[in-house]
């Protein structure tokens, strides 16, 4: 909630596929969904929970090498949009400096996403934490 989340749905608490739960709760589906973990099954669910006609699903997460996403063509023919993004759609040279300014002015949260600070010698442990889902972001200090 500190980051703006207004609702949370735990898929483990439902017998139906999560996309159906979301469609039912939102009277037809969401306007936007974002898949941020790189799980191809979740990518499909994110698309299928979008509203027919105008829902847009944005793929942010990077799937493992060789993974493929799939869905029934009906999901797209009915007007849903499935798209990807790199760096949140920001143009690094022209727009990232404004993000830095907003961060410095405390207008956007960044520090709150960092859950671990480690040394470069602990990089393997950092990857283990990320793969196990035990952190959001790790900052590595290369000079310690």
C-alpha atoms as a PDB file:
ATOM      1  CA  UNK A   1       0.000   0.000   0.000  1.00  0.00           C
ATOM      2  CA  UNK A   2       2.945   2.348   0.598  1.00  0.00           C
ATOM      3  CA  UNK A   3       3.740   2.058  -3.112  1.00  0.00           C
ATOM      4  CA  UNK A   4       0.176   2.664  -4.331  1.00  0.00           C
ATOM      5  CA  UNK A   5      -1.302  -0.835  -4.416  1.00  0.00           C
ATOM      6  CA  UNK A   6      -5.012  -0.671  -3.646  1.00  0.00           C
ATOM      7  CA  UNK A   7      -5.921  -4.342  -4.016  1.00  0.00           C
ATOM      8  CA  UNK A   8      -4.102  -7.642  -3.619  1.00  0.00           C
ATOM      9  CA  UNK A   9      -5.320 -11.021  -4.825  1.00  0.00           C
ATOM     10  CA  UNK A  10      -3.509 -14.187  -3.815  1.00  0.00           C
ATOM     11  CA  UNK A  11      -3.967 -16.773  -6.600  1.00  0.00           C
ATOM     12  CA  UNK A  12      -3.375 -19.558  -4.079  1.00  0.00           C
ATOM     13  CA  UNK A  13      -6.639 -18.605  -2.375  1.00  0.00           C
ATOM     14  CA  UNK A  14      -8.743 -19.296  -5.481  1.00  0.00           C
ATOM     15  CA  UNK A  15      -9.623 -22.441  -7.395  1.00  0.00           C
ATOM     16  CA  UNK A  16     -10.311 -20.626 -10.667  1.00  0.00           C
ATOM     17  CA  UNK A  17      -7.451 -19.358 -12.823  1.00  0.00           C
ATOM     18  CA  UNK A  18      -6.370 -15.938 -11.531  1.00  0.00           C
ATOM     19  CA  UNK A  19      -7.309 -14.225 -14.787  1.00  0.00           C
ATOM     20  CA  UNK A  20     -10.917 -15.372 -14.353  1.00  0.00           C
ATOM     21  CA  UNK A  21     -10.962 -14.184 -10.733  1.00  0.00           C
ATOM     22  CA  UNK A  22      -9.755 -10.744 -11.867  1.00  0.00           C
ATOM     23  CA  UNK A  23     -12.260 -10.561 -14.744  1.00  0.00           C
ATOM     24  CA  UNK A  24     -15.082 -11.417 -12.345  1.00  0.00           C
ATOM     25  CA  UNK A  25     -13.932  -8.902  -9.693  1.00  0.00           C
ATOM     26  CA  UNK A  26     -13.563  -6.075 -12.211  1.00  0.00           C
ATOM     27  CA  UNK A  27     -16.777  -6.617 -14.170  1.00  0.00           C
ATOM     28  CA  UNK A  28     -15.050  -7.669 -17.381  1.00  0.00           C
ATOM     29  CA  UNK A  29     -11.336  -7.169 -16.860  1.00  0.00           C
ATOM     30  CA  UNK A  30      -8.727  -4.541 -16.144  1.00  0.00           C
ATOM     31  CA  UNK A  31      -7.729  -1.660 -18.391  1.00  0.00           C
ATOM     32  CA  UNK A  32      -4.023  -2.374 -17.845  1.00  0.00           C
ATOM     33  CA  UNK A  33      -1.985  -5.276 -16.530  1.00  0.00           C
ATOM     34  CA  UNK A  34       1.770  -5.539 -16.037  1.00  0.00           C
ATOM     35  CA  UNK A  35       3.802  -8.738 -15.849  1.00  0.00           C
ATOM     36  CA  UNK A  36       7.069  -7.935 -14.081  1.00  0.00           C
ATOM     37  CA  UNK A  37       8.639 -11.258 -13.094  1.00  0.00           C
ATOM     38  CA  UNK A  38       9.475 -12.952 -16.386  1.00  0.00           C
ATOM     39  CA  UNK A  39       7.084 -15.880 -15.951  1.00  0.00           C
ATOM     40  CA  UNK A  40       5.469 -16.885 -19.269  1.00  0.00           C
ATOM     41  CA  UNK A  41       2.448 -18.384 -17.524  1.00  0.00           C
ATOM     42  CA  UNK A  42       1.853 -15.100 -15.704  1.00  0.00           C
ATOM     43  CA  UNK A  43       2.317 -13.222 -18.997  1.00  0.00           C
ATOM     44  CA  UNK A  44      -0.621 -15.157 -20.433  1.00  0.00           C
ATOM     45  CA  UNK A  45      -2.710 -14.581 -17.318  1.00  0.00           C
ATOM     46  CA  UNK A  46      -1.915 -10.868 -17.448  1.00  0.00           C
ATOM     47  CA  UNK A  47      -3.206 -10.640 -21.012  1.00  0.00           C
ATOM     48  CA  UNK A  48      -6.286 -12.734 -20.337  1.00  0.00           C
ATOM     49  CA  UNK A  49      -7.361 -10.622 -17.352  1.00  0.00           C
ATOM     50  CA  UNK A  50      -7.543  -7.527 -19.578  1.00  0.00           C
ATOM     51  CA  UNK A  51     -10.889  -6.159 -20.684  1.00  0.00           C
ATOM     52  CA  UNK A  52     -12.112  -7.141 -24.144  1.00  0.00           C
ATOM     53  CA  UNK A  53     -11.956  -4.270 -26.586  1.00  0.00           C
ATOM     54  CA  UNK A  54      -9.417  -2.045 -24.871  1.00  0.00           C
ATOM     55  CA  UNK A  55      -7.340  -3.843 -22.231  1.00  0.00           C
ATOM     56  CA  UNK A  56      -3.579  -3.560 -22.563  1.00  0.00           C
ATOM     57  CA  UNK A  57      -1.091  -5.969 -21.047  1.00  0.00           C
ATOM     58  CA  UNK A  58       2.509  -4.827 -20.774  1.00  0.00           C
ATOM     59  CA  UNK A  59       5.331  -7.347 -20.437  1.00  0.00           C
ATOM     60  CA  UNK A  60       8.114  -5.913 -18.269  1.00  0.00           C
ATOM     61  CA  UNK A  61       9.743  -9.093 -16.946  1.00  0.00           C
ATOM     62  CA  UNK A  62      12.382 -10.919 -18.933  1.00  0.00           C
ATOM     63  CA  UNK A  63      11.684 -14.622 -19.413  1.00  0.00           C
ATOM     64  CA  UNK A  64      14.418 -17.237 -19.352  1.00  0.00           C
ATOM     65  CA  UNK A  65      16.250 -17.931 -22.592  1.00  0.00           C
ATOM     66  CA  UNK A  66      14.238 -20.143 -24.933  1.00  0.00           C
ATOM     67  CA  UNK A  67      10.870 -19.510 -23.221  1.00  0.00           C
ATOM     68  CA  UNK A  68       7.879 -18.702 -25.412  1.00  0.00           C
ATOM     69  CA  UNK A  69       4.563 -17.015 -24.665  1.00  0.00           C
ATOM     70  CA  UNK A  70       1.269 -18.169 -26.096  1.00  0.00           C
ATOM     71  CA  UNK A  71      -2.433 -17.489 -25.915  1.00  0.00           C
ATOM     72  CA  UNK A  72      -5.519 -18.181 -27.969  1.00  0.00           C
ATOM     73  CA  UNK A  73      -5.852 -15.790 -30.959  1.00  0.00           C
ATOM     74  CA  UNK A  74      -9.330 -14.871 -29.659  1.00  0.00           C
ATOM     75  CA  UNK A  75      -7.621 -12.931 -26.851  1.00  0.00           C
ATOM     76  CA  UNK A  76      -6.083 -10.523 -29.370  1.00  0.00           C
ATOM     77  CA  UNK A  77      -8.805 -10.521 -32.021  1.00  0.00           C
ATOM     78  CA  UNK A  78     -11.251  -9.191 -29.429  1.00  0.00           C
ATOM     79  CA  UNK A  79      -9.213  -6.019 -28.999  1.00  0.00           C
ATOM     80  CA  UNK A  80      -6.743  -6.713 -26.240  1.00  0.00           C
ATOM     81  CA  UNK A  81      -3.218  -5.400 -26.753  1.00  0.00           C
ATOM     82  CA  UNK A  82      -0.097  -7.320 -25.732  1.00  0.00           C
ATOM     83  CA  UNK A  83       3.078  -5.267 -25.726  1.00  0.00           C
ATOM     84  CA  UNK A  84       6.510  -5.181 -24.205  1.00  0.00           C
ATOM     85  CA  UNK A  85       8.621  -2.434 -22.745  1.00  0.00           C
ATOM     86  CA  UNK A  86      12.269  -1.782 -22.077  1.00  0.00           C
ATOM     87  CA  UNK A  87      13.287   0.594 -19.300  1.00  0.00           C
ATOM     88  CA  UNK A  88       9.644   1.519 -18.748  1.00  0.00           C
ATOM     89  CA  UNK A  89       9.493   3.127 -22.163  1.00  0.00           C
ATOM     90  CA  UNK A  90      11.927   5.852 -21.094  1.00  0.00           C
ATOM     91  CA  UNK A  91      14.470   7.217 -23.521  1.00  0.00           C
ATOM     92  CA  UNK A  92      17.705   7.023 -21.576  1.00  0.00           C
ATOM     93  CA  UNK A  93      19.409  10.163 -22.881  1.00  0.00           C
ATOM     94  CA  UNK A  94      16.475  12.536 -22.759  1.00  0.00           C
ATOM     95  CA  UNK A  95      14.198  11.228 -20.002  1.00  0.00           C
ATOM     96  CA  UNK A  96      16.286   9.452 -17.365  1.00  0.00           C
ATOM     97  CA  UNK A  97      17.809  12.749 -16.115  1.00  0.00           C
ATOM     98  CA  UNK A  98      14.273  13.886 -15.200  1.00  0.00           C
ATOM     99  CA  UNK A  99      13.823  10.665 -13.218  1.00  0.00           C
ATOM    100  CA  UNK A 100      17.017  11.426 -11.314  1.00  0.00           C
ATOM    101  CA  UNK A 101      15.743  14.934 -10.561  1.00  0.00           C
ATOM    102  CA  UNK A 102      12.436  13.517  -9.287  1.00  0.00           C
ATOM    103  CA  UNK A 103      14.327  11.036  -7.102  1.00  0.00           C
ATOM    104  CA  UNK A 104      16.537  13.775  -5.650  1.00  0.00           C
ATOM    105  CA  UNK A 105      13.417  15.850  -4.890  1.00  0.00           C
ATOM    106  CA  UNK A 106      11.840  12.783  -3.171  1.00  0.00           C
ATOM    107  CA  UNK A 107       8.987  12.800  -5.704  1.00  0.00           C
ATOM    108  CA  UNK A 108       9.479   9.124  -6.564  1.00  0.00           C
ATOM    109  CA  UNK A 109      10.518   6.182  -4.423  1.00  0.00           C
ATOM    110  CA  UNK A 110      13.682   4.281  -5.283  1.00  0.00           C
ATOM    111  CA  UNK A 111      15.477   3.525  -2.023  1.00  0.00           C
ATOM    112  CA  UNK A 112      12.430   1.669  -0.726  1.00  0.00           C
ATOM    113  CA  UNK A 113      12.854  -0.947  -3.458  1.00  0.00           C
ATOM    114  CA  UNK A 114      16.389  -1.826  -2.335  1.00  0.00           C
ATOM    115  CA  UNK A 115      16.130  -4.704   0.097  1.00  0.00           C
ATOM    116  CA  UNK A 116      19.794  -5.765   0.248  1.00  0.00           C
ATOM    117  CA  UNK A 117      23.213  -4.137   0.035  1.00  0.00           C
ATOM    118  CA  UNK A 118      26.061  -6.565  -0.624  1.00  0.00           C
ATOM    119  CA  UNK A 119      29.612  -6.669  -1.863  1.00  0.00           C
ATOM    120  CA  UNK A 120      30.650  -7.850  -5.287  1.00  0.00           C
ATOM    121  CA  UNK A 121      32.103 -10.940  -3.605  1.00  0.00           C
ATOM    122  CA  UNK A 122      28.509 -11.882  -2.645  1.00  0.00           C
ATOM    123  CA  UNK A 123      27.105 -11.609  -6.168  1.00  0.00           C
ATOM    124  CA  UNK A 124      26.142 -15.295  -6.282  1.00  0.00           C
ATOM    125  CA  UNK A 125      24.207 -14.915  -3.034  1.00  0.00           C
ATOM    126  CA  UNK A 126      22.508 -11.844  -4.531  1.00  0.00           C
ATOM    127  CA  UNK A 127      21.364 -13.871  -7.538  1.00  0.00           C
ATOM    128  CA  UNK A 128      20.136 -16.626  -5.205  1.00  0.00           C
ATOM    129  CA  UNK A 129      18.063 -14.070  -3.264  1.00  0.00           C
ATOM    130  CA  UNK A 130      16.500 -12.786  -6.485  1.00  0.00           C
ATOM    131  CA  UNK A 131      15.807 -16.247  -7.910  1.00  0.00           C
ATOM    132  CA  UNK A 132      14.266 -17.382  -4.620  1.00  0.00           C
ATOM    133  CA  UNK A 133      12.037 -14.298  -4.488  1.00  0.00           C
ATOM    134  CA  UNK A 134      13.599 -13.122  -1.221  1.00  0.00           C
ATOM    135  CA  UNK A 135      14.411  -9.590  -2.345  1.00  0.00           C
ATOM    136  CA  UNK A 136      13.281  -6.799  -4.622  1.00  0.00           C
ATOM    137  CA  UNK A 137      16.647  -5.319  -5.572  1.00  0.00           C
ATOM    138  CA  UNK A 138      20.217  -5.825  -4.470  1.00  0.00           C
ATOM    139  CA  UNK A 139      22.804  -3.067  -4.684  1.00  0.00           C
ATOM    140  CA  UNK A 140      26.363  -4.341  -5.049  1.00  0.00           C
ATOM    141  CA  UNK A 141      29.238  -2.290  -3.681  1.00  0.00           C
ATOM    142  CA  UNK A 142      32.163  -2.953  -5.972  1.00  0.00           C
ATOM    143  CA  UNK A 143      34.744  -1.204  -3.814  1.00  0.00           C
ATOM    144  CA  UNK A 144      34.390  -2.988  -0.461  1.00  0.00           C
END
